[in-house]
């Protein structure tokens, strides 16, 4: 099958899905935005996917012409924020080419969302056949936009599951005996150093946690961004930006993963941590937490921005016996299996097949 992909910025987890499509014999062409300076991924992460064009360097007509030459049997677009992409999709949909659009926005009931629901028939329906959402928090919005039943797929995001699960001897029980790259047990955060990622909340909660326990664990932060200096001035260890190929090692060595975001439509990194076999802590803003955390079974969820709740969660994990942490790790690993590139590819190809009939 020939599939055209119109995307904003690429991420390694989508790359793993696209590479699998290529391995299965499908032909891809991609138009994508340039990389984010706060996420300097190795370009090799995006090899073996087919031709990749800069979606910001070409005009709408130029992109349309290239896609016409490619003659796609389906289009996968990352959303509708790019109006040029949306107009291109409308032109191809009019000619009978199925269009699938991602949607990771959670339903909030805002005025803007309510207006969008009222006018979706005018600007979404002519351009998009299917809305593909990550999970339940986004499915509510999709349904209100008029995409129900077979017109709404779930499972939009899937981490490179084998990459993270292999570090834990996939399919086997965890021994839960980390070697500790940072010489002592540690909580781990991976992400951009931004206010919206909950960095101030995390650092203050960690400081309080250290005052409440004996022999506190380290806090390792892996990432980059404007709040880099805040990390450096805290008690945390700043590991800097970690390339995806090196991330499984730092994941599997940790004792617990924390994602304290103020706003996080999904959070694939939480699934990466689950696949690595880690107990999890995340804010209730993180969409993937709805599916990947069972409260006090494999982790804890707390109110976004609530420093005391995060502190209590860290203390609770710290005081949990090792054998119980091992059970939490096993449950995280099992829950991570909900989203894999194989399931992702099957959803896309079978779904397009139904649309094409």
C-alpha atoms as a PDB file:
ATOM      1  CA  UNK A   1       0.000   0.000   0.000  1.00  0.00           C
ATOM      2  CA  UNK A   2       1.192   3.538  -0.771  1.00  0.00           C
ATOM      3  CA  UNK A   3       0.719   5.786   2.252  1.00  0.00           C
ATOM      4  CA  UNK A   4       1.462   9.526   2.357  1.00  0.00           C
ATOM      5  CA  UNK A   5       2.270  10.975   5.771  1.00  0.00           C
ATOM      6  CA  UNK A   6       1.774  14.678   6.550  1.00  0.00           C
ATOM      7  CA  UNK A   7       3.281  15.290   9.966  1.00  0.00           C
ATOM      8  CA  UNK A   8       4.457  18.027  12.278  1.00  0.00           C
ATOM      9  CA  UNK A   9       7.696  17.114  14.093  1.00  0.00           C
ATOM     10  CA  UNK A  10       8.771  13.486  13.955  1.00  0.00           C
ATOM     11  CA  UNK A  11       9.468  11.535  17.117  1.00  0.00           C
ATOM     12  CA  UNK A  12      11.320   8.219  17.498  1.00  0.00           C
ATOM     13  CA  UNK A  13       8.183   6.389  18.615  1.00  0.00           C
ATOM     14  CA  UNK A  14       6.377   7.281  15.393  1.00  0.00           C
ATOM     15  CA  UNK A  15       9.533   6.398  13.463  1.00  0.00           C
ATOM     16  CA  UNK A  16       9.391   2.865  14.882  1.00  0.00           C
ATOM     17  CA  UNK A  17       5.809   2.536  13.599  1.00  0.00           C
ATOM     18  CA  UNK A  18       6.668   3.916  10.161  1.00  0.00           C
ATOM     19  CA  UNK A  19       9.695   1.628   9.861  1.00  0.00           C
ATOM     20  CA  UNK A  20       7.507  -1.364  10.634  1.00  0.00           C
ATOM     21  CA  UNK A  21       5.155  -0.378   7.800  1.00  0.00           C
ATOM     22  CA  UNK A  22       8.141  -0.340   5.452  1.00  0.00           C
ATOM     23  CA  UNK A  23       9.268  -3.742   6.709  1.00  0.00           C
ATOM     24  CA  UNK A  24       5.789  -5.053   5.940  1.00  0.00           C
ATOM     25  CA  UNK A  25       6.180  -3.924   2.330  1.00  0.00           C
ATOM     26  CA  UNK A  26       4.238  -0.660   2.354  1.00  0.00           C
ATOM     27  CA  UNK A  27       5.584   2.381   0.508  1.00  0.00           C
ATOM     28  CA  UNK A  28       5.779   5.690   2.382  1.00  0.00           C
ATOM     29  CA  UNK A  29       6.478   9.306   1.581  1.00  0.00           C
ATOM     30  CA  UNK A  30       6.716  11.843   4.416  1.00  0.00           C
ATOM     31  CA  UNK A  31       6.345  15.615   4.638  1.00  0.00           C
ATOM     32  CA  UNK A  32       7.355  16.732   8.145  1.00  0.00           C
ATOM     33  CA  UNK A  33       8.384  19.790  10.159  1.00  0.00           C
ATOM     34  CA  UNK A  34      12.041  20.375  11.091  1.00  0.00           C
ATOM     35  CA  UNK A  35      13.202  18.954  14.449  1.00  0.00           C
ATOM     36  CA  UNK A  36      12.677  20.821  17.731  1.00  0.00           C
ATOM     37  CA  UNK A  37      15.884  22.280  19.174  1.00  0.00           C
ATOM     38  CA  UNK A  38      14.798  21.002  22.614  1.00  0.00           C
ATOM     39  CA  UNK A  39      14.748  17.462  21.252  1.00  0.00           C
ATOM     40  CA  UNK A  40      17.943  17.010  19.186  1.00  0.00           C
ATOM     41  CA  UNK A  41      17.336  13.431  18.093  1.00  0.00           C
ATOM     42  CA  UNK A  42      19.975  11.536  16.147  1.00  0.00           C
ATOM     43  CA  UNK A  43      18.949  11.725  12.437  1.00  0.00           C
ATOM     44  CA  UNK A  44      19.631   7.997  12.154  1.00  0.00           C
ATOM     45  CA  UNK A  45      16.465   7.443  14.199  1.00  0.00           C
ATOM     46  CA  UNK A  46      14.507   8.506  11.121  1.00  0.00           C
ATOM     47  CA  UNK A  47      16.227   6.388   8.481  1.00  0.00           C
ATOM     48  CA  UNK A  48      14.641   3.548   6.501  1.00  0.00           C
ATOM     49  CA  UNK A  49      11.217   5.189   6.263  1.00  0.00           C
ATOM     50  CA  UNK A  50      11.213   6.338   2.652  1.00  0.00           C
ATOM     51  CA  UNK A  51      11.563   9.854   1.196  1.00  0.00           C
ATOM     52  CA  UNK A  52      11.308  12.620   3.829  1.00  0.00           C
ATOM     53  CA  UNK A  53      10.599  16.210   2.770  1.00  0.00           C
ATOM     54  CA  UNK A  54      10.587  19.409   4.800  1.00  0.00           C
ATOM     55  CA  UNK A  55       6.895  20.220   5.141  1.00  0.00           C
ATOM     56  CA  UNK A  56       7.676  23.859   5.955  1.00  0.00           C
ATOM     57  CA  UNK A  57       9.970  24.460   2.989  1.00  0.00           C
ATOM     58  CA  UNK A  58       7.424  23.649   0.264  1.00  0.00           C
ATOM     59  CA  UNK A  59       4.255  25.453  -0.706  1.00  0.00           C
ATOM     60  CA  UNK A  60       0.869  23.801  -0.470  1.00  0.00           C
ATOM     61  CA  UNK A  61       0.741  23.316  -4.234  1.00  0.00           C
ATOM     62  CA  UNK A  62       4.241  21.822  -4.281  1.00  0.00           C
ATOM     63  CA  UNK A  63       3.333  19.283  -1.605  1.00  0.00           C
ATOM     64  CA  UNK A  64       0.113  18.451  -3.416  1.00  0.00           C
ATOM     65  CA  UNK A  65       2.016  17.926  -6.662  1.00  0.00           C
ATOM     66  CA  UNK A  66       4.536  15.584  -5.032  1.00  0.00           C
ATOM     67  CA  UNK A  67       1.748  13.575  -3.453  1.00  0.00           C
ATOM     68  CA  UNK A  68      -0.130  13.422  -6.755  1.00  0.00           C
ATOM     69  CA  UNK A  69       2.974  11.938  -8.359  1.00  0.00           C
ATOM     70  CA  UNK A  70       3.219   9.447  -5.483  1.00  0.00           C
ATOM     71  CA  UNK A  71      -0.465   8.524  -6.022  1.00  0.00           C
ATOM     72  CA  UNK A  72      -1.261   7.553  -2.406  1.00  0.00           C
ATOM     73  CA  UNK A  73      -3.836   4.958  -1.496  1.00  0.00           C
ATOM     74  CA  UNK A  74      -4.258   6.641   1.896  1.00  0.00           C
ATOM     75  CA  UNK A  75      -3.087   9.714   3.801  1.00  0.00           C
ATOM     76  CA  UNK A  76      -2.125   9.847   7.456  1.00  0.00           C
ATOM     77  CA  UNK A  77      -2.007  13.403   8.796  1.00  0.00           C
ATOM     78  CA  UNK A  78      -0.890  14.326  12.317  1.00  0.00           C
ATOM     79  CA  UNK A  79      -3.903  16.584  12.912  1.00  0.00           C
ATOM     80  CA  UNK A  80      -5.542  19.690  11.539  1.00  0.00           C
ATOM     81  CA  UNK A  81      -3.470  22.460  13.085  1.00  0.00           C
ATOM     82  CA  UNK A  82      -1.656  22.901   9.762  1.00  0.00           C
ATOM     83  CA  UNK A  83      -4.270  24.411   7.449  1.00  0.00           C
ATOM     84  CA  UNK A  84      -2.209  23.666   4.343  1.00  0.00           C
ATOM     85  CA  UNK A  85      -2.127  19.980   5.254  1.00  0.00           C
ATOM     86  CA  UNK A  86      -5.877  20.086   5.873  1.00  0.00           C
ATOM     87  CA  UNK A  87      -6.614  21.633   2.487  1.00  0.00           C
ATOM     88  CA  UNK A  88      -4.401  19.040   0.784  1.00  0.00           C
ATOM     89  CA  UNK A  89      -6.306  16.273   2.576  1.00  0.00           C
ATOM     90  CA  UNK A  90      -9.597  17.785   1.453  1.00  0.00           C
ATOM     91  CA  UNK A  91      -8.482  17.668  -2.190  1.00  0.00           C
ATOM     92  CA  UNK A  92      -7.427  14.030  -1.973  1.00  0.00           C
ATOM     93  CA  UNK A  93     -10.485  12.961   0.016  1.00  0.00           C
ATOM     94  CA  UNK A  94     -12.658  14.497  -2.682  1.00  0.00           C
ATOM     95  CA  UNK A  95     -10.905  12.160  -5.147  1.00  0.00           C
ATOM     96  CA  UNK A  96     -11.685   9.142  -2.962  1.00  0.00           C
ATOM     97  CA  UNK A  97      -8.393   8.778  -1.067  1.00  0.00           C
ATOM     98  CA  UNK A  98      -9.033   7.808   2.594  1.00  0.00           C
ATOM     99  CA  UNK A  99      -7.679  10.323   5.117  1.00  0.00           C
ATOM    100  CA  UNK A 100      -6.838   9.402   8.711  1.00  0.00           C
ATOM    101  CA  UNK A 101      -5.985  12.211  11.157  1.00  0.00           C
ATOM    102  CA  UNK A 102      -4.416  11.972  14.581  1.00  0.00           C
ATOM    103  CA  UNK A 103      -6.019  13.750  17.529  1.00  0.00           C
ATOM    104  CA  UNK A 104      -4.347  13.737  20.942  1.00  0.00           C
ATOM    105  CA  UNK A 105      -6.259  16.642  22.502  1.00  0.00           C
ATOM    106  CA  UNK A 106      -8.286  15.743  25.572  1.00  0.00           C
ATOM    107  CA  UNK A 107     -11.856  16.946  25.940  1.00  0.00           C
ATOM    108  CA  UNK A 108     -11.883  19.945  28.298  1.00  0.00           C
ATOM    109  CA  UNK A 109     -15.247  21.485  27.514  1.00  0.00           C
ATOM    110  CA  UNK A 110     -13.668  24.836  26.682  1.00  0.00           C
ATOM    111  CA  UNK A 111     -15.528  27.398  24.618  1.00  0.00           C
ATOM    112  CA  UNK A 112     -13.098  26.848  21.768  1.00  0.00           C
ATOM    113  CA  UNK A 113     -13.767  23.099  21.768  1.00  0.00           C
ATOM    114  CA  UNK A 114     -17.521  23.588  21.917  1.00  0.00           C
ATOM    115  CA  UNK A 115     -17.402  25.912  18.917  1.00  0.00           C
ATOM    116  CA  UNK A 116     -15.211  23.394  17.071  1.00  0.00           C
ATOM    117  CA  UNK A 117     -17.822  20.707  17.695  1.00  0.00           C
ATOM    118  CA  UNK A 118     -20.516  22.909  16.212  1.00  0.00           C
ATOM    119  CA  UNK A 119     -18.619  23.638  12.995  1.00  0.00           C
ATOM    120  CA  UNK A 120     -16.711  20.360  12.549  1.00  0.00           C
ATOM    121  CA  UNK A 121     -19.019  19.321   9.710  1.00  0.00           C
ATOM    122  CA  UNK A 122     -17.828  22.344   7.769  1.00  0.00           C
ATOM    123  CA  UNK A 123     -14.058  22.108   8.208  1.00  0.00           C
ATOM    124  CA  UNK A 124     -13.211  18.554   9.384  1.00  0.00           C
ATOM    125  CA  UNK A 125     -15.671  16.223   7.694  1.00  0.00           C
ATOM    126  CA  UNK A 126     -14.775  17.360   4.133  1.00  0.00           C
ATOM    127  CA  UNK A 127     -11.089  16.608   4.780  1.00  0.00           C
ATOM    128  CA  UNK A 128     -10.944  13.709   7.279  1.00  0.00           C
ATOM    129  CA  UNK A 129     -12.562  10.280   7.262  1.00  0.00           C
ATOM    130  CA  UNK A 130     -11.167   8.934  10.527  1.00  0.00           C
ATOM    131  CA  UNK A 131      -9.935  10.472  13.772  1.00  0.00           C
ATOM    132  CA  UNK A 132      -7.264   8.286  15.392  1.00  0.00           C
ATOM    133  CA  UNK A 133      -6.920   9.028  19.107  1.00  0.00           C
ATOM    134  CA  UNK A 134      -4.545   7.655  21.773  1.00  0.00           C
ATOM    135  CA  UNK A 135      -7.168   6.674  24.351  1.00  0.00           C
ATOM    136  CA  UNK A 136     -10.296   7.491  26.329  1.00  0.00           C
ATOM    137  CA  UNK A 137      -9.537  11.135  27.215  1.00  0.00           C
ATOM    138  CA  UNK A 138      -9.316  11.970  23.503  1.00  0.00           C
ATOM    139  CA  UNK A 139     -12.127   9.686  22.383  1.00  0.00           C
ATOM    140  CA  UNK A 140     -14.651  11.926  24.135  1.00  0.00           C
ATOM    141  CA  UNK A 141     -13.558  14.896  22.029  1.00  0.00           C
ATOM    142  CA  UNK A 142     -13.568  12.841  18.812  1.00  0.00           C
ATOM    143  CA  UNK A 143     -17.119  11.696  19.436  1.00  0.00           C
ATOM    144  CA  UNK A 144     -18.278  15.248  20.105  1.00  0.00           C
ATOM    145  CA  UNK A 145     -16.647  16.275  16.824  1.00  0.00           C
ATOM    146  CA  UNK A 146     -18.850  13.710  15.095  1.00  0.00           C
ATOM    147  CA  UNK A 147     -16.392  10.818  14.796  1.00  0.00           C
ATOM    148  CA  UNK A 148     -18.037   7.838  16.465  1.00  0.00           C
ATOM    149  CA  UNK A 149     -17.902   4.088  16.125  1.00  0.00           C
ATOM    150  CA  UNK A 150     -15.768   2.941  13.184  1.00  0.00           C
ATOM    151  CA  UNK A 151     -14.875   6.581  12.424  1.00  0.00           C
ATOM    152  CA  UNK A 152     -12.824   6.798  15.639  1.00  0.00           C
ATOM    153  CA  UNK A 153      -9.832   4.531  16.179  1.00  0.00           C
ATOM    154  CA  UNK A 154      -7.824   4.239  19.395  1.00  0.00           C
ATOM    155  CA  UNK A 155      -4.127   3.467  19.942  1.00  0.00           C
ATOM    156  CA  UNK A 156      -2.601   6.386  18.027  1.00  0.00           C
ATOM    157  CA  UNK A 157       0.646   6.304  20.010  1.00  0.00           C
ATOM    158  CA  UNK A 158       2.936   3.348  20.568  1.00  0.00           C
ATOM    159  CA  UNK A 159       6.478   3.400  21.874  1.00  0.00           C
ATOM    160  CA  UNK A 160       9.278   1.353  20.338  1.00  0.00           C
ATOM    161  CA  UNK A 161       8.181  -1.418  22.670  1.00  0.00           C
ATOM    162  CA  UNK A 162      10.837  -3.996  21.845  1.00  0.00           C
ATOM    163  CA  UNK A 163      13.611  -1.459  22.394  1.00  0.00           C
ATOM    164  CA  UNK A 164      12.529  -0.895  26.006  1.00  0.00           C
ATOM    165  CA  UNK A 165      11.165  -4.323  26.823  1.00  0.00           C
ATOM    166  CA  UNK A 166      14.338  -6.050  25.605  1.00  0.00           C
ATOM    167  CA  UNK A 167      16.318  -4.258  28.309  1.00  0.00           C
ATOM    168  CA  UNK A 168      14.164  -6.138  30.795  1.00  0.00           C
ATOM    169  CA  UNK A 169      14.410  -9.545  29.080  1.00  0.00           C
ATOM    170  CA  UNK A 170      10.979  -9.288  27.483  1.00  0.00           C
ATOM    171  CA  UNK A 171       8.594 -12.051  28.406  1.00  0.00           C
ATOM    172  CA  UNK A 172      10.423 -12.940  31.618  1.00  0.00           C
ATOM    173  CA  UNK A 173       9.822 -11.865  35.183  1.00  0.00           C
ATOM    174  CA  UNK A 174      11.886  -8.944  36.380  1.00  0.00           C
ATOM    175  CA  UNK A 175      14.544  -9.624  38.956  1.00  0.00           C
ATOM    176  CA  UNK A 176      14.240  -6.002  40.086  1.00  0.00           C
ATOM    177  CA  UNK A 177      17.905  -5.663  40.906  1.00  0.00           C
ATOM    178  CA  UNK A 178      18.980  -2.443  39.171  1.00  0.00           C
ATOM    179  CA  UNK A 179      22.708  -1.749  39.015  1.00  0.00           C
ATOM    180  CA  UNK A 180      22.146   1.983  39.492  1.00  0.00           C
ATOM    181  CA  UNK A 181      24.070   3.970  36.928  1.00  0.00           C
ATOM    182  CA  UNK A 182      24.053   6.842  39.400  1.00  0.00           C
ATOM    183  CA  UNK A 183      25.421   4.772  42.334  1.00  0.00           C
ATOM    184  CA  UNK A 184      22.201   4.752  44.344  1.00  0.00           C
ATOM    185  CA  UNK A 185      18.491   4.107  43.814  1.00  0.00           C
ATOM    186  CA  UNK A 186      16.840   6.864  41.809  1.00  0.00           C
ATOM    187  CA  UNK A 187      13.598   8.380  40.629  1.00  0.00           C
ATOM    188  CA  UNK A 188      13.733   9.245  36.932  1.00  0.00           C
ATOM    189  CA  UNK A 189      12.211  12.049  34.879  1.00  0.00           C
ATOM    190  CA  UNK A 190      12.627  12.169  31.084  1.00  0.00           C
ATOM    191  CA  UNK A 191      11.341  15.100  29.079  1.00  0.00           C
ATOM    192  CA  UNK A 192      11.803  18.725  28.146  1.00  0.00           C
ATOM    193  CA  UNK A 193      12.745  21.102  30.935  1.00  0.00           C
ATOM    194  CA  UNK A 194       9.658  23.319  30.756  1.00  0.00           C
ATOM    195  CA  UNK A 195       7.192  24.758  33.257  1.00  0.00           C
ATOM    196  CA  UNK A 196       4.377  22.850  31.570  1.00  0.00           C
ATOM    197  CA  UNK A 197       6.228  19.570  32.192  1.00  0.00           C
ATOM    198  CA  UNK A 198       5.945  20.198  35.936  1.00  0.00           C
ATOM    199  CA  UNK A 199       9.656  20.745  36.596  1.00  0.00           C
ATOM    200  CA  UNK A 200       9.147  23.270  39.470  1.00  0.00           C
ATOM    201  CA  UNK A 201       6.632  20.923  41.117  1.00  0.00           C
ATOM    202  CA  UNK A 202       9.007  17.980  40.765  1.00  0.00           C
ATOM    203  CA  UNK A 203      12.019  19.786  42.221  1.00  0.00           C
ATOM    204  CA  UNK A 204      10.127  21.156  45.218  1.00  0.00           C
ATOM    205  CA  UNK A 205       8.459  17.799  45.914  1.00  0.00           C
ATOM    206  CA  UNK A 206      11.831  16.072  45.732  1.00  0.00           C
ATOM    207  CA  UNK A 207      13.288  18.542  48.231  1.00  0.00           C
ATOM    208  CA  UNK A 208      10.450  17.831  50.665  1.00  0.00           C
ATOM    209  CA  UNK A 209      10.767  14.079  50.116  1.00  0.00           C
ATOM    210  CA  UNK A 210      14.460  14.219  51.023  1.00  0.00           C
ATOM    211  CA  UNK A 211      13.540  15.822  54.360  1.00  0.00           C
ATOM    212  CA  UNK A 212      11.041  13.077  55.204  1.00  0.00           C
ATOM    213  CA  UNK A 213      12.973   9.851  54.585  1.00  0.00           C
ATOM    214  CA  UNK A 214      16.225   8.265  55.613  1.00  0.00           C
ATOM    215  CA  UNK A 215      18.722   7.636  52.796  1.00  0.00           C
ATOM    216  CA  UNK A 216      16.688   9.398  50.092  1.00  0.00           C
ATOM    217  CA  UNK A 217      16.949   8.157  46.545  1.00  0.00           C
ATOM    218  CA  UNK A 218      18.525  10.345  43.897  1.00  0.00           C
ATOM    219  CA  UNK A 219      16.457  12.194  41.313  1.00  0.00           C
ATOM    220  CA  UNK A 220      17.828  11.876  37.794  1.00  0.00           C
ATOM    221  CA  UNK A 221      16.456  14.224  35.116  1.00  0.00           C
ATOM    222  CA  UNK A 222      17.166  13.490  31.467  1.00  0.00           C
ATOM    223  CA  UNK A 223      16.368  16.206  28.964  1.00  0.00           C
ATOM    224  CA  UNK A 224      17.068  19.767  27.943  1.00  0.00           C
ATOM    225  CA  UNK A 225      15.245  23.067  27.819  1.00  0.00           C
ATOM    226  CA  UNK A 226      14.862  26.566  29.298  1.00  0.00           C
ATOM    227  CA  UNK A 227      14.775  25.312  32.910  1.00  0.00           C
ATOM    228  CA  UNK A 228      18.128  23.561  32.624  1.00  0.00           C
ATOM    229  CA  UNK A 229      19.634  25.908  35.224  1.00  0.00           C
ATOM    230  CA  UNK A 230      16.855  25.034  37.709  1.00  0.00           C
ATOM    231  CA  UNK A 231      17.861  21.387  37.477  1.00  0.00           C
ATOM    232  CA  UNK A 232      21.522  22.223  37.962  1.00  0.00           C
ATOM    233  CA  UNK A 233      20.803  24.332  41.061  1.00  0.00           C
ATOM    234  CA  UNK A 234      18.738  21.601  42.719  1.00  0.00           C
ATOM    235  CA  UNK A 235      19.676  18.361  44.459  1.00  0.00           C
ATOM    236  CA  UNK A 236      18.836  16.464  41.279  1.00  0.00           C
ATOM    237  CA  UNK A 237      21.288  14.964  38.799  1.00  0.00           C
ATOM    238  CA  UNK A 238      21.045  16.488  35.326  1.00  0.00           C
ATOM    239  CA  UNK A 239      21.821  13.728  32.829  1.00  0.00           C
ATOM    240  CA  UNK A 240      21.165  16.010  29.848  1.00  0.00           C
ATOM    241  CA  UNK A 241      19.479  14.947  26.646  1.00  0.00           C
ATOM    242  CA  UNK A 242      19.537  11.174  26.158  1.00  0.00           C
ATOM    243  CA  UNK A 243      19.301   9.729  22.654  1.00  0.00           C
ATOM    244  CA  UNK A 244      16.542   7.105  22.229  1.00  0.00           C
ATOM    245  CA  UNK A 245      19.113   4.351  21.666  1.00  0.00           C
ATOM    246  CA  UNK A 246      20.585   5.054  25.124  1.00  0.00           C
ATOM    247  CA  UNK A 247      17.324   5.662  26.958  1.00  0.00           C
ATOM    248  CA  UNK A 248      16.474   1.996  27.749  1.00  0.00           C
ATOM    249  CA  UNK A 249      19.600   1.675  29.885  1.00  0.00           C
ATOM    250  CA  UNK A 250      18.800   4.667  32.068  1.00  0.00           C
ATOM    251  CA  UNK A 251      15.158   3.516  32.258  1.00  0.00           C
ATOM    252  CA  UNK A 252      15.784  -0.048  33.389  1.00  0.00           C
ATOM    253  CA  UNK A 253      18.267   1.084  36.034  1.00  0.00           C
ATOM    254  CA  UNK A 254      15.766   3.404  37.736  1.00  0.00           C
ATOM    255  CA  UNK A 255      13.551   2.487  40.688  1.00  0.00           C
ATOM    256  CA  UNK A 256      10.561   4.615  39.716  1.00  0.00           C
ATOM    257  CA  UNK A 257       9.558   6.908  36.859  1.00  0.00           C
ATOM    258  CA  UNK A 258       7.880  10.291  37.422  1.00  0.00           C
ATOM    259  CA  UNK A 259       5.954  12.369  34.869  1.00  0.00           C
ATOM    260  CA  UNK A 260       4.657  15.465  36.725  1.00  0.00           C
ATOM    261  CA  UNK A 261       3.265  17.411  33.745  1.00  0.00           C
ATOM    262  CA  UNK A 262       0.829  20.272  34.127  1.00  0.00           C
ATOM    263  CA  UNK A 263      -0.401  19.482  30.608  1.00  0.00           C
ATOM    264  CA  UNK A 264       0.310  16.236  28.766  1.00  0.00           C
ATOM    265  CA  UNK A 265      -2.186  15.066  26.132  1.00  0.00           C
ATOM    266  CA  UNK A 266      -0.730  11.550  26.266  1.00  0.00           C
ATOM    267  CA  UNK A 267       2.890  10.963  27.326  1.00  0.00           C
ATOM    268  CA  UNK A 268       4.483   8.097  25.376  1.00  0.00           C
ATOM    269  CA  UNK A 269       7.461   8.271  27.740  1.00  0.00           C
ATOM    270  CA  UNK A 270       5.234   6.791  30.454  1.00  0.00           C
ATOM    271  CA  UNK A 271       4.716   3.706  28.283  1.00  0.00           C
ATOM    272  CA  UNK A 272       8.455   3.490  27.671  1.00  0.00           C
ATOM    273  CA  UNK A 273       8.948   3.425  31.440  1.00  0.00           C
ATOM    274  CA  UNK A 274       6.215   0.827  31.849  1.00  0.00           C
ATOM    275  CA  UNK A 275       7.799  -1.376  29.168  1.00  0.00           C
ATOM    276  CA  UNK A 276      11.078  -1.039  31.077  1.00  0.00           C
ATOM    277  CA  UNK A 277       9.326  -2.482  34.131  1.00  0.00           C
ATOM    278  CA  UNK A 278       9.143   0.538  36.434  1.00  0.00           C
ATOM    279  CA  UNK A 279       6.698   1.606  39.113  1.00  0.00           C
ATOM    280  CA  UNK A 280       5.117   4.844  37.874  1.00  0.00           C
ATOM    281  CA  UNK A 281       4.072   8.216  39.247  1.00  0.00           C
ATOM    282  CA  UNK A 282       2.327  10.739  37.017  1.00  0.00           C
ATOM    283  CA  UNK A 283      -0.017  13.677  37.257  1.00  0.00           C
ATOM    284  CA  UNK A 284      -3.659  13.223  36.364  1.00  0.00           C
ATOM    285  CA  UNK A 285      -3.060  15.543  33.404  1.00  0.00           C
ATOM    286  CA  UNK A 286      -1.172  12.753  31.605  1.00  0.00           C
ATOM    287  CA  UNK A 287      -3.539  10.997  29.228  1.00  0.00           C
ATOM    288  CA  UNK A 288      -1.635   7.714  29.167  1.00  0.00           C
ATOM    289  CA  UNK A 289      -1.910   7.459  32.951  1.00  0.00           C
ATOM    290  CA  UNK A 290      -5.579   6.514  32.529  1.00  0.00           C
ATOM    291  CA  UNK A 291      -4.472   3.328  30.785  1.00  0.00           C
ATOM    292  CA  UNK A 292      -1.049   2.596  32.243  1.00  0.00           C
ATOM    293  CA  UNK A 293      -1.455   3.203  35.978  1.00  0.00           C
ATOM    294  CA  UNK A 294      -3.659   1.265  38.367  1.00  0.00           C
ATOM    295  CA  UNK A 295      -3.635   3.253  41.601  1.00  0.00           C
ATOM    296  CA  UNK A 296      -1.382   1.668  44.237  1.00  0.00           C
ATOM    297  CA  UNK A 297      -1.043  -1.435  42.043  1.00  0.00           C
ATOM    298  CA  UNK A 298       1.757  -0.343  39.732  1.00  0.00           C
ATOM    299  CA  UNK A 299       1.926   3.353  40.562  1.00  0.00           C
ATOM    300  CA  UNK A 300       0.247   6.534  41.700  1.00  0.00           C
ATOM    301  CA  UNK A 301      -1.475   9.506  40.058  1.00  0.00           C
ATOM    302  CA  UNK A 302      -1.597  12.941  41.667  1.00  0.00           C
ATOM    303  CA  UNK A 303      -3.257  16.303  41.051  1.00  0.00           C
ATOM    304  CA  UNK A 304      -1.217  18.425  38.609  1.00  0.00           C
ATOM    305  CA  UNK A 305       0.835  21.057  40.413  1.00  0.00           C
ATOM    306  CA  UNK A 306       0.102  19.613  43.859  1.00  0.00           C
ATOM    307  CA  UNK A 307       3.527  19.476  45.486  1.00  0.00           C
ATOM    308  CA  UNK A 308       2.349  17.710  48.629  1.00  0.00           C
ATOM    309  CA  UNK A 309       0.587  14.934  46.721  1.00  0.00           C
ATOM    310  CA  UNK A 310       3.710  14.309  44.649  1.00  0.00           C
ATOM    311  CA  UNK A 311       5.853  14.356  47.790  1.00  0.00           C
ATOM    312  CA  UNK A 312       3.564  11.806  49.445  1.00  0.00           C
ATOM    313  CA  UNK A 313       3.700   9.634  46.334  1.00  0.00           C
ATOM    314  CA  UNK A 314       7.500   9.619  46.351  1.00  0.00           C
ATOM    315  CA  UNK A 315       7.585   8.775  50.057  1.00  0.00           C
ATOM    316  CA  UNK A 316       5.053   5.970  49.489  1.00  0.00           C
ATOM    317  CA  UNK A 317       7.192   4.427  46.737  1.00  0.00           C
ATOM    318  CA  UNK A 318      10.345   4.827  48.849  1.00  0.00           C
ATOM    319  CA  UNK A 319       8.796   2.963  51.764  1.00  0.00           C
ATOM    320  CA  UNK A 320       7.323   0.155  49.655  1.00  0.00           C
ATOM    321  CA  UNK A 321       9.206  -3.144  50.192  1.00  0.00           C
ATOM    322  CA  UNK A 322      11.354  -4.449  47.355  1.00  0.00           C
ATOM    323  CA  UNK A 323       9.156  -7.502  46.749  1.00  0.00           C
ATOM    324  CA  UNK A 324       6.107  -5.229  46.351  1.00  0.00           C
ATOM    325  CA  UNK A 325       8.020  -2.947  43.978  1.00  0.00           C
ATOM    326  CA  UNK A 326       8.806  -6.035  41.904  1.00  0.00           C
ATOM    327  CA  UNK A 327       5.098  -6.818  41.614  1.00  0.00           C
ATOM    328  CA  UNK A 328       4.463  -3.220  40.580  1.00  0.00           C
ATOM    329  CA  UNK A 329       7.180  -3.511  37.935  1.00  0.00           C
ATOM    330  CA  UNK A 330       5.586  -6.681  36.540  1.00  0.00           C
ATOM    331  CA  UNK A 331       2.175  -5.012  36.313  1.00  0.00           C
ATOM    332  CA  UNK A 332       3.615  -1.962  34.548  1.00  0.00           C
ATOM    333  CA  UNK A 333       5.266  -4.280  32.041  1.00  0.00           C
ATOM    334  CA  UNK A 334       1.988  -6.087  31.335  1.00  0.00           C
ATOM    335  CA  UNK A 335       0.047  -2.836  30.908  1.00  0.00           C
ATOM    336  CA  UNK A 336       2.663  -1.552  28.461  1.00  0.00           C
ATOM    337  CA  UNK A 337       1.678  -4.312  26.014  1.00  0.00           C
ATOM    338  CA  UNK A 338      -1.521  -2.435  25.148  1.00  0.00           C
ATOM    339  CA  UNK A 339       0.404  -0.273  22.670  1.00  0.00           C
ATOM    340  CA  UNK A 340       3.018  -1.676  20.292  1.00  0.00           C
ATOM    341  CA  UNK A 341       4.069  -0.776  16.725  1.00  0.00           C
ATOM    342  CA  UNK A 342       2.621  -4.116  15.589  1.00  0.00           C
ATOM    343  CA  UNK A 343      -0.819  -3.266  16.992  1.00  0.00           C
ATOM    344  CA  UNK A 344      -0.492   0.274  15.585  1.00  0.00           C
ATOM    345  CA  UNK A 345       0.302  -0.972  12.067  1.00  0.00           C
ATOM    346  CA  UNK A 346      -2.494  -3.530  12.173  1.00  0.00           C
ATOM    347  CA  UNK A 347      -4.999  -0.836  13.178  1.00  0.00           C
ATOM    348  CA  UNK A 348      -3.910   1.407  10.307  1.00  0.00           C
ATOM    349  CA  UNK A 349      -3.729  -1.162   7.508  1.00  0.00           C
ATOM    350  CA  UNK A 350      -6.916  -3.033   8.405  1.00  0.00           C
ATOM    351  CA  UNK A 351      -8.736   0.246   8.957  1.00  0.00           C
ATOM    352  CA  UNK A 352      -7.693   1.624   5.579  1.00  0.00           C
ATOM    353  CA  UNK A 353      -8.739  -1.667   4.007  1.00  0.00           C
ATOM    354  CA  UNK A 354     -12.255  -1.256   5.405  1.00  0.00           C
ATOM    355  CA  UNK A 355     -12.415   2.340   4.142  1.00  0.00           C
ATOM    356  CA  UNK A 356     -11.329   1.330   0.660  1.00  0.00           C
ATOM    357  CA  UNK A 357     -14.049  -1.276   0.180  1.00  0.00           C
END
